[in-house]
N, C-alpha and C. Protein backbone atom coordinates (compact mmCIF):
# COMPACT_ATOMS: atom_id res chain seq x y z
N MET A 1 101.27 54.54 90.06
CA MET A 1 101.22 55.47 89.01
C MET A 1 100.30 56.68 89.55
N TRP A 2 100.70 57.82 89.34
CA TRP A 2 99.90 58.99 89.75
C TRP A 2 98.83 59.26 88.60
N SER A 3 97.65 59.60 88.99
CA SER A 3 96.58 60.00 88.05
C SER A 3 96.84 61.39 87.73
N ARG A 4 96.47 61.87 86.62
CA ARG A 4 96.46 63.36 86.13
C ARG A 4 95.76 64.16 87.20
N VAL A 5 94.65 63.73 87.57
CA VAL A 5 93.89 64.57 88.51
C VAL A 5 94.68 64.75 89.81
N ARG A 6 95.12 63.72 90.42
CA ARG A 6 95.96 63.75 91.61
C ARG A 6 97.15 64.62 91.40
N ARG A 7 97.85 64.41 90.32
CA ARG A 7 99.12 65.24 90.05
C ARG A 7 98.74 66.71 90.01
N ALA A 8 97.71 67.05 89.26
CA ALA A 8 97.18 68.40 89.10
C ALA A 8 96.82 69.03 90.47
N GLY A 9 96.17 68.17 91.33
CA GLY A 9 95.79 68.72 92.68
C GLY A 9 97.07 68.97 93.51
N ILE A 10 98.14 68.16 93.41
CA ILE A 10 99.26 68.41 94.21
C ILE A 10 100.12 69.66 93.70
N VAL A 11 100.16 69.77 92.31
CA VAL A 11 100.80 70.89 91.76
C VAL A 11 100.13 72.19 92.09
N THR A 12 98.76 72.08 92.13
CA THR A 12 97.97 73.31 92.59
C THR A 12 98.22 73.64 93.97
N ALA A 13 98.16 72.68 94.88
CA ALA A 13 98.41 72.80 96.23
C ALA A 13 99.79 73.49 96.61
N LEU A 14 100.76 73.01 95.78
CA LEU A 14 102.07 73.66 95.97
C LEU A 14 102.25 74.95 95.43
N ALA A 15 101.53 75.29 94.37
CA ALA A 15 101.65 76.50 93.74
C ALA A 15 100.82 77.67 94.42
N LEU A 16 99.78 77.32 95.20
CA LEU A 16 98.96 78.25 95.70
C LEU A 16 99.65 79.13 96.75
N PRO A 17 100.48 78.53 97.62
CA PRO A 17 101.22 79.37 98.62
C PRO A 17 102.21 80.34 97.98
N CYS A 18 102.67 79.96 96.87
CA CYS A 18 103.76 80.70 96.20
C CYS A 18 103.02 81.88 95.55
N SER A 19 101.80 81.61 94.88
CA SER A 19 101.21 82.77 94.24
C SER A 19 100.56 83.66 95.28
N LEU A 20 100.18 83.25 96.53
CA LEU A 20 99.64 84.13 97.44
C LEU A 20 100.76 84.98 97.97
N SER A 21 101.88 84.44 98.09
CA SER A 21 103.10 85.17 98.65
C SER A 21 103.59 86.21 97.62
N ALA A 22 103.25 86.08 96.40
CA ALA A 22 103.56 87.09 95.26
C ALA A 22 102.68 88.30 95.37
N VAL A 23 101.49 88.34 95.94
CA VAL A 23 100.62 89.43 96.07
C VAL A 23 101.04 90.11 97.31
N GLN A 24 101.51 91.47 97.15
CA GLN A 24 101.85 92.24 98.25
C GLN A 24 100.77 93.05 98.83
N SER A 25 100.65 93.16 100.05
CA SER A 25 99.65 93.98 100.67
C SER A 25 100.22 95.35 100.94
N ALA A 26 99.58 96.34 100.76
CA ALA A 26 99.99 97.71 100.93
C ALA A 26 99.78 98.28 102.36
N HIS A 27 98.70 97.83 102.96
CA HIS A 27 98.33 98.24 104.32
C HIS A 27 98.14 99.81 104.40
N ALA A 28 97.43 100.40 103.52
CA ALA A 28 97.02 101.75 103.58
C ALA A 28 95.61 101.97 103.85
N GLY A 29 95.11 103.07 104.12
CA GLY A 29 93.68 103.38 104.41
C GLY A 29 93.30 104.70 103.93
N LEU A 30 92.36 104.65 102.86
CA LEU A 30 91.91 105.95 102.52
C LEU A 30 91.24 106.64 103.72
N GLY A 31 91.50 107.96 103.90
CA GLY A 31 90.88 108.64 104.99
C GLY A 31 91.75 108.47 106.28
N GLY A 32 92.71 107.66 106.34
CA GLY A 32 93.61 107.38 107.50
C GLY A 32 94.97 107.78 107.29
N ALA A 33 95.83 107.04 107.93
CA ALA A 33 97.25 107.30 107.84
C ALA A 33 97.85 106.66 106.53
N PRO A 34 98.91 107.13 106.12
CA PRO A 34 99.62 106.55 104.87
C PRO A 34 100.00 105.04 105.18
N MET A 35 100.19 104.28 104.14
CA MET A 35 100.64 102.88 104.25
C MET A 35 101.95 102.77 104.93
N THR A 36 102.13 101.59 105.56
CA THR A 36 103.36 101.14 105.96
C THR A 36 103.99 100.26 104.77
N PRO A 37 104.96 100.68 104.17
CA PRO A 37 105.34 99.98 102.97
C PRO A 37 105.94 98.55 103.27
N PRO A 38 105.53 97.62 102.50
CA PRO A 38 106.01 96.28 102.67
C PRO A 38 107.52 96.16 102.50
N THR A 39 108.06 95.14 102.98
CA THR A 39 109.52 94.97 102.81
C THR A 39 109.90 94.99 101.29
N GLY A 40 110.89 95.58 101.08
CA GLY A 40 111.43 95.65 99.67
C GLY A 40 110.79 96.68 98.83
N ALA A 41 109.87 97.43 99.33
CA ALA A 41 109.21 98.55 98.61
C ALA A 41 110.15 99.80 98.59
N SER A 42 110.08 100.63 97.50
CA SER A 42 110.78 101.86 97.65
C SER A 42 109.73 103.07 97.75
N VAL A 43 110.06 104.04 98.50
CA VAL A 43 109.14 105.19 98.79
C VAL A 43 109.87 106.42 98.49
N SER A 44 109.10 107.36 97.88
CA SER A 44 109.65 108.77 97.62
C SER A 44 108.39 109.72 97.81
N SER A 45 108.61 110.88 98.17
CA SER A 45 107.62 111.91 98.46
C SER A 45 107.93 113.16 97.83
N ARG A 46 106.84 113.90 97.37
CA ARG A 46 107.16 115.22 96.76
C ARG A 46 105.95 116.16 97.29
N VAL A 47 106.23 117.38 97.57
CA VAL A 47 105.19 118.32 97.91
C VAL A 47 104.70 119.05 96.81
N VAL A 48 103.30 119.20 96.61
CA VAL A 48 102.68 119.79 95.40
C VAL A 48 101.83 121.01 95.92
N GLN A 49 101.95 122.11 95.20
CA GLN A 49 101.15 123.37 95.52
C GLN A 49 99.80 123.09 94.74
N PRO A 50 98.63 123.24 95.41
CA PRO A 50 97.35 123.16 94.80
C PRO A 50 97.39 124.08 93.68
N GLY A 51 96.73 123.66 92.54
CA GLY A 51 96.58 124.66 91.40
C GLY A 51 97.85 124.64 90.45
N SER A 52 98.94 123.97 90.89
CA SER A 52 100.08 123.93 89.95
C SER A 52 99.89 123.01 88.85
N SER A 53 100.61 123.26 87.79
CA SER A 53 100.44 122.52 86.55
C SER A 53 101.02 121.21 86.80
N ALA A 54 100.58 120.22 85.91
CA ALA A 54 101.24 118.87 85.93
C ALA A 54 102.56 118.76 85.86
N ALA A 55 103.04 119.60 84.94
CA ALA A 55 104.62 119.66 84.55
C ALA A 55 105.31 120.17 85.83
N THR A 56 104.83 121.18 86.47
CA THR A 56 105.48 121.76 87.65
C THR A 56 105.51 120.74 88.77
N SER A 57 104.28 120.07 88.98
CA SER A 57 104.13 118.98 90.06
C SER A 57 105.19 117.96 89.73
N ALA A 58 105.37 117.47 88.44
CA ALA A 58 106.20 116.37 88.15
C ALA A 58 107.63 116.76 88.40
N GLN A 59 108.02 118.04 88.44
CA GLN A 59 109.32 118.42 88.75
C GLN A 59 109.55 118.74 90.14
N GLY A 60 108.57 118.33 91.11
CA GLY A 60 108.78 118.63 92.43
C GLY A 60 109.91 118.08 93.04
N VAL A 61 110.39 118.69 94.13
CA VAL A 61 111.55 118.30 94.89
C VAL A 61 111.20 116.93 95.61
N MET A 62 112.04 116.02 95.33
CA MET A 62 111.92 114.66 96.12
C MET A 62 112.34 114.86 97.41
N ARG A 63 111.61 114.38 98.43
CA ARG A 63 112.00 114.59 99.95
C ARG A 63 111.74 113.31 100.72
N SER A 64 112.39 113.26 101.81
CA SER A 64 112.02 112.11 102.71
C SER A 64 110.64 112.28 103.12
N ALA A 65 109.92 111.15 103.70
CA ALA A 65 108.64 111.28 104.18
C ALA A 65 108.50 112.28 105.39
N SER A 66 109.57 112.20 106.17
CA SER A 66 109.47 113.14 107.33
C SER A 66 109.69 114.44 107.10
N SER A 67 110.53 114.98 106.22
CA SER A 67 110.66 116.35 105.89
C SER A 67 109.49 116.78 104.98
N ALA A 68 108.93 115.97 104.27
CA ALA A 68 107.73 116.38 103.44
C ALA A 68 106.66 116.72 104.34
N ALA A 69 106.49 115.68 105.32
CA ALA A 69 105.33 115.94 106.24
C ALA A 69 105.58 117.21 107.03
N SER A 70 106.69 117.60 107.47
CA SER A 70 106.94 118.73 108.28
C SER A 70 106.67 120.00 107.34
N SER A 71 107.16 120.02 106.24
CA SER A 71 107.02 121.18 105.25
C SER A 71 105.49 121.36 104.87
N THR A 72 104.78 120.10 104.76
CA THR A 72 103.33 120.34 104.34
C THR A 72 102.52 121.03 105.36
N SER A 73 102.82 120.75 106.66
CA SER A 73 102.01 121.30 107.71
C SER A 73 102.26 122.81 107.81
N ALA A 74 103.35 123.32 107.24
CA ALA A 74 103.70 124.77 107.27
C ALA A 74 103.10 125.58 106.03
N SER A 75 102.48 124.82 105.16
CA SER A 75 101.99 125.47 103.89
C SER A 75 100.71 124.99 103.56
N ALA A 76 100.15 125.53 102.44
CA ALA A 76 98.88 125.00 101.97
C ALA A 76 98.99 123.82 100.86
N SER A 77 100.17 123.27 100.88
CA SER A 77 100.39 122.22 99.84
C SER A 77 99.94 120.93 100.41
N TYR A 78 100.07 119.79 99.51
CA TYR A 78 99.83 118.50 100.00
C TYR A 78 101.03 117.70 99.46
N THR A 79 101.04 116.46 100.02
CA THR A 79 102.35 115.55 99.73
C THR A 79 101.70 114.39 98.84
N VAL A 80 102.49 114.00 97.81
CA VAL A 80 102.28 112.80 97.05
C VAL A 80 103.28 111.89 97.44
N ARG A 81 102.92 110.73 98.01
CA ARG A 81 103.93 109.78 98.39
C ARG A 81 103.75 108.51 97.58
N GLU A 82 104.82 108.09 96.88
CA GLU A 82 104.83 107.09 95.82
C GLU A 82 105.58 105.90 96.44
N THR A 83 104.82 104.73 96.33
CA THR A 83 105.47 103.56 96.84
C THR A 83 105.43 102.46 95.66
N ALA A 84 106.67 102.12 95.34
CA ALA A 84 106.85 101.08 94.23
C ALA A 84 107.00 99.76 95.01
N LEU A 85 105.99 98.90 94.76
CA LEU A 85 106.07 97.58 95.39
C LEU A 85 106.94 96.56 94.67
N GLY A 86 107.41 95.61 95.18
CA GLY A 86 108.28 94.51 94.62
C GLY A 86 107.70 93.92 93.39
N ASN A 87 106.40 93.91 93.15
CA ASN A 87 105.77 93.26 92.15
C ASN A 87 105.66 94.16 90.89
N GLY A 88 106.09 95.40 90.99
CA GLY A 88 106.08 96.37 89.97
C GLY A 88 104.86 97.30 90.03
N THR A 89 103.96 97.04 90.89
CA THR A 89 102.78 98.01 91.01
C THR A 89 103.21 99.23 91.72
N VAL A 90 102.82 100.51 91.33
CA VAL A 90 103.08 101.67 91.97
C VAL A 90 101.92 102.25 92.65
N VAL A 91 101.85 102.66 93.81
CA VAL A 91 100.69 103.17 94.61
C VAL A 91 101.14 104.60 94.99
N ARG A 92 100.32 105.62 94.75
CA ARG A 92 100.54 106.98 95.10
C ARG A 92 99.34 107.33 96.05
N GLU A 93 99.89 107.96 97.16
CA GLU A 93 99.04 108.40 98.28
C GLU A 93 99.01 109.94 98.25
N TYR A 94 97.95 110.61 98.37
CA TYR A 94 97.84 111.97 98.39
C TYR A 94 97.45 112.36 99.82
N LEU A 95 98.39 113.02 100.49
CA LEU A 95 98.22 113.45 101.93
C LEU A 95 97.99 114.80 102.12
N ALA A 96 96.87 115.02 103.00
CA ALA A 96 96.55 116.45 103.35
C ALA A 96 97.64 117.00 104.39
N ALA A 97 97.51 118.20 104.72
CA ALA A 97 98.46 118.80 105.67
C ALA A 97 98.50 118.02 106.96
N ASP A 98 97.33 117.46 107.41
CA ASP A 98 97.35 116.72 108.62
C ASP A 98 97.88 115.32 108.55
N GLY A 99 98.19 114.89 107.35
CA GLY A 99 98.80 113.59 107.24
C GLY A 99 97.84 112.39 106.80
N SER A 100 96.53 112.75 106.66
CA SER A 100 95.52 111.92 106.35
C SER A 100 95.54 111.63 104.72
N VAL A 101 95.14 110.52 104.36
CA VAL A 101 95.25 110.21 103.00
C VAL A 101 93.83 110.50 102.33
N PHE A 102 93.83 111.57 101.41
CA PHE A 102 92.65 111.86 100.75
C PHE A 102 92.31 111.24 99.36
N GLY A 103 93.41 110.80 98.89
CA GLY A 103 93.44 110.18 97.55
C GLY A 103 94.43 109.05 97.31
N ILE A 104 94.15 108.10 96.47
CA ILE A 104 95.07 107.00 96.19
C ILE A 104 94.98 106.72 94.64
N ALA A 105 95.99 106.40 94.06
CA ALA A 105 96.09 106.10 92.53
C ALA A 105 97.06 104.83 92.64
N TRP A 106 96.79 103.93 91.63
CA TRP A 106 97.71 102.86 91.43
C TRP A 106 97.80 102.45 89.98
N ARG A 107 98.90 101.88 89.64
CA ARG A 107 99.26 101.55 88.28
C ARG A 107 100.21 100.37 88.27
N GLY A 108 100.01 99.16 87.52
CA GLY A 108 101.00 98.21 87.55
C GLY A 108 100.44 96.78 87.04
N PRO A 109 101.32 95.75 86.99
CA PRO A 109 100.94 94.55 86.55
C PRO A 109 100.09 93.71 87.35
N GLN A 110 99.97 94.07 88.68
CA GLN A 110 99.04 93.31 89.61
C GLN A 110 98.01 94.38 90.21
N MET A 111 96.86 94.05 90.44
CA MET A 111 95.89 94.77 91.15
C MET A 111 96.21 94.78 92.62
N PRO A 112 96.37 95.94 93.22
CA PRO A 112 96.72 95.97 94.67
C PRO A 112 95.48 95.54 95.34
N ASP A 113 95.64 95.25 96.68
CA ASP A 113 94.58 94.79 97.57
C ASP A 113 93.74 95.98 97.91
N LEU A 114 92.54 96.19 97.16
CA LEU A 114 91.73 97.43 97.52
C LEU A 114 91.03 97.44 98.86
N ASN A 115 90.99 96.24 99.50
CA ASN A 115 90.61 96.20 100.86
C ASN A 115 91.37 97.00 101.79
N ASP A 116 92.81 96.80 101.55
CA ASP A 116 93.82 97.50 102.35
C ASP A 116 93.88 99.00 101.85
N LEU A 117 93.83 99.21 100.52
CA LEU A 117 94.00 100.61 100.05
C LEU A 117 92.69 101.63 100.55
N LEU A 118 91.60 100.94 100.37
CA LEU A 118 90.35 101.74 100.65
C LEU A 118 89.99 101.74 102.17
N GLY A 119 90.65 100.86 102.99
CA GLY A 119 90.36 100.84 104.47
C GLY A 119 88.94 100.72 104.69
N SER A 120 88.47 101.64 105.64
CA SER A 120 87.06 101.61 106.09
C SER A 120 86.09 101.91 104.89
N TYR A 121 86.51 102.54 103.84
CA TYR A 121 85.59 102.74 102.73
C TYR A 121 85.40 101.55 101.83
N PHE A 122 86.09 100.38 101.95
CA PHE A 122 85.94 99.26 101.16
C PHE A 122 84.56 98.69 101.05
N PRO A 123 83.81 98.56 102.16
CA PRO A 123 82.49 98.05 102.08
C PRO A 123 81.55 99.02 101.26
N GLN A 124 81.75 100.31 101.39
CA GLN A 124 80.98 101.28 100.50
C GLN A 124 81.32 101.06 99.02
N TYR A 125 82.59 100.83 98.82
CA TYR A 125 83.03 100.57 97.39
C TYR A 125 82.37 99.23 96.83
N VAL A 126 82.45 98.10 97.54
CA VAL A 126 81.81 96.82 97.28
C VAL A 126 80.27 97.07 96.86
N ALA A 127 79.58 97.81 97.75
CA ALA A 127 78.18 98.06 97.58
C ALA A 127 78.05 98.94 96.31
N GLY A 128 78.97 99.84 96.02
CA GLY A 128 78.76 100.62 94.88
C GLY A 128 79.04 99.82 93.52
N VAL A 129 79.92 98.85 93.62
CA VAL A 129 80.25 98.00 92.46
C VAL A 129 79.08 97.18 92.17
N LYS A 130 78.47 96.58 93.29
CA LYS A 130 77.29 95.64 93.05
C LYS A 130 76.21 96.50 92.48
N ALA A 131 75.96 97.71 92.84
CA ALA A 131 74.96 98.51 92.22
C ALA A 131 75.19 98.83 90.72
N VAL A 132 76.38 99.13 90.38
CA VAL A 132 76.74 99.48 89.01
C VAL A 132 76.62 98.25 88.16
N ARG A 133 77.06 97.14 88.64
CA ARG A 133 76.89 95.90 87.86
C ARG A 133 75.51 95.40 87.74
N ALA A 134 74.72 95.65 88.76
CA ALA A 134 73.23 95.24 88.60
C ALA A 134 72.63 96.14 87.58
N ALA A 135 72.89 97.44 87.70
CA ALA A 135 72.39 98.41 86.68
C ALA A 135 72.76 98.04 85.16
N ARG A 136 73.87 97.60 84.93
CA ARG A 136 74.32 97.26 83.48
C ARG A 136 74.25 95.75 83.24
N GLY A 137 73.60 95.03 84.08
CA GLY A 137 73.34 93.55 83.87
C GLY A 137 74.48 92.67 84.04
N GLY A 138 75.35 92.99 85.09
CA GLY A 138 76.36 92.11 85.58
C GLY A 138 77.69 92.45 84.74
N GLY A 139 78.43 91.34 84.69
CA GLY A 139 79.61 91.40 83.84
C GLY A 139 80.90 91.98 84.53
N ARG A 140 81.99 91.97 83.73
CA ARG A 140 83.22 92.51 84.24
C ARG A 140 83.51 93.84 83.56
N GLY A 141 84.64 94.31 83.66
CA GLY A 141 85.07 95.47 83.01
C GLY A 141 85.42 96.56 83.96
N PRO A 142 85.75 97.69 83.45
CA PRO A 142 86.10 98.89 84.26
C PRO A 142 84.92 99.15 85.30
N VAL A 143 85.38 99.73 86.50
CA VAL A 143 84.33 100.01 87.57
C VAL A 143 84.55 101.47 87.85
N SER A 144 83.44 102.21 87.96
CA SER A 144 83.38 103.56 88.41
C SER A 144 82.30 103.76 89.54
N VAL A 145 82.68 103.95 90.63
CA VAL A 145 81.79 104.14 91.68
C VAL A 145 81.84 105.69 92.05
N ASP A 146 80.79 106.40 91.89
CA ASP A 146 80.90 107.92 92.02
C ASP A 146 79.74 108.35 92.96
N GLN A 147 80.21 108.48 94.19
CA GLN A 147 79.27 108.80 95.35
C GLN A 147 79.65 110.18 95.96
N SER A 148 78.90 110.84 96.70
CA SER A 148 79.25 112.13 97.21
C SER A 148 80.44 111.97 98.22
N SER A 149 80.54 110.86 98.78
CA SER A 149 81.64 110.72 99.92
C SER A 149 82.87 109.88 99.38
N LEU A 150 82.71 109.23 98.20
CA LEU A 150 83.79 108.18 97.77
C LEU A 150 83.57 108.25 96.30
N VAL A 151 84.84 108.38 95.55
CA VAL A 151 84.84 108.08 94.07
C VAL A 151 85.99 107.07 93.98
N VAL A 152 85.69 106.09 93.10
CA VAL A 152 86.66 105.07 92.90
C VAL A 152 86.59 104.62 91.27
N ARG A 153 87.65 104.65 90.60
CA ARG A 153 87.72 104.22 89.23
C ARG A 153 88.77 103.22 89.12
N SER A 154 88.47 102.08 88.53
CA SER A 154 89.39 100.99 88.49
C SER A 154 89.23 100.23 87.20
N GLY A 155 90.31 99.84 86.52
CA GLY A 155 90.17 99.07 85.36
C GLY A 155 91.46 98.40 85.02
N GLY A 156 91.50 97.88 83.84
CA GLY A 156 92.68 97.28 83.28
C GLY A 156 92.39 95.82 82.98
N HIS A 157 93.57 95.17 82.70
CA HIS A 157 93.51 93.76 82.27
C HIS A 157 94.79 93.11 82.82
N MET A 158 94.98 91.79 82.68
CA MET A 158 96.09 91.02 83.14
C MET A 158 97.41 91.64 82.81
N GLY A 159 98.04 92.15 83.80
CA GLY A 159 99.43 92.74 83.57
C GLY A 159 99.31 94.35 83.44
N ALA A 160 98.19 94.98 83.48
CA ALA A 160 98.10 96.35 83.17
C ALA A 160 96.89 96.90 84.02
N PHE A 161 96.98 97.17 85.34
CA PHE A 161 95.87 97.59 86.09
C PHE A 161 96.20 98.99 86.53
N SER A 162 95.08 99.84 86.58
CA SER A 162 95.19 101.19 87.13
C SER A 162 93.95 101.57 87.80
N GLY A 163 93.99 102.71 88.62
CA GLY A 163 92.77 103.15 89.29
C GLY A 163 93.05 104.39 90.07
N GLN A 164 92.05 105.01 90.54
CA GLN A 164 92.04 106.09 91.50
C GLN A 164 90.88 105.95 92.42
N ALA A 165 91.25 106.52 93.61
CA ALA A 165 90.12 106.62 94.61
C ALA A 165 90.33 107.87 95.33
N TRP A 166 89.32 108.63 95.68
CA TRP A 166 89.47 109.81 96.48
C TRP A 166 88.10 110.17 97.29
N LEU A 167 88.26 110.98 98.24
CA LEU A 167 87.18 111.35 99.03
C LEU A 167 86.88 112.87 98.75
N PRO A 168 85.85 113.16 97.95
CA PRO A 168 85.48 114.42 97.64
C PRO A 168 85.42 115.41 98.69
N PRO A 169 84.81 115.08 99.95
CA PRO A 169 84.80 116.06 101.04
C PRO A 169 86.11 116.41 101.60
N ALA A 170 87.07 115.49 101.43
CA ALA A 170 88.42 115.72 102.03
C ALA A 170 89.50 116.38 101.17
N LEU A 171 88.98 116.58 99.90
CA LEU A 171 89.93 117.22 98.93
C LEU A 171 90.39 118.66 99.36
N PRO A 172 91.71 118.91 99.54
CA PRO A 172 92.12 120.20 99.89
C PRO A 172 91.54 121.34 98.94
N ALA A 173 91.56 122.53 99.40
CA ALA A 173 91.15 123.63 98.40
C ALA A 173 92.11 123.65 97.21
N GLY A 174 91.63 123.83 96.00
CA GLY A 174 92.35 123.85 94.92
C GLY A 174 92.73 122.48 94.25
N VAL A 175 92.20 121.51 94.82
CA VAL A 175 92.50 120.07 94.37
C VAL A 175 91.29 119.46 93.95
N SER A 176 91.34 118.80 92.72
CA SER A 176 90.06 118.05 92.17
C SER A 176 90.42 116.62 91.96
N GLY A 177 89.40 115.86 91.67
CA GLY A 177 89.62 114.43 91.45
C GLY A 177 90.58 114.06 90.30
N SER A 178 90.61 114.98 89.33
CA SER A 178 91.45 114.83 88.20
C SER A 178 92.98 114.89 88.53
N ASP A 179 93.28 115.47 89.83
CA ASP A 179 94.69 115.54 90.23
C ASP A 179 95.20 114.25 90.81
N ILE A 180 94.22 113.33 91.12
CA ILE A 180 94.58 111.99 91.72
C ILE A 180 94.96 111.05 90.51
N GLN A 181 96.18 110.87 90.21
CA GLN A 181 96.67 110.14 89.12
C GLN A 181 97.76 109.15 89.50
């Protein structure tokens, strides 16, 4: 006869690989190249003119990543690349004319892997979170790291996470942090 503890341990051991495989890694890097979409993800891109209204931006022409990148280099615009992951989370990357990611936003039922999304800025983010939590006495809740070289805002709850991250020095002319959505 199996004890409850042993049975629970076996169920947990069997469930862990399944739960880990459900978390999809985005493999992007703030300040670097755009992500390589995981298998099963859908990707769309649109070119946005700095200073255009949100309504105009939302009506932007959908283009393939290659044509958006080529048209971006010929103008003062930037590209918003949206990747819908298989788990329902949507990641938007904001690409400068040179193709580097200057901002990232996410929204969905699962928190994306911020280590992948923030790339080389992840250690700076972790240090900022520790400082914020130490200042407010620990705890959980929304996080806002606001530094001269990195801004990250992240929050939500089980089934509804969202956030933005951007590099203030890398924002193109006419673009502000409020444009990263």
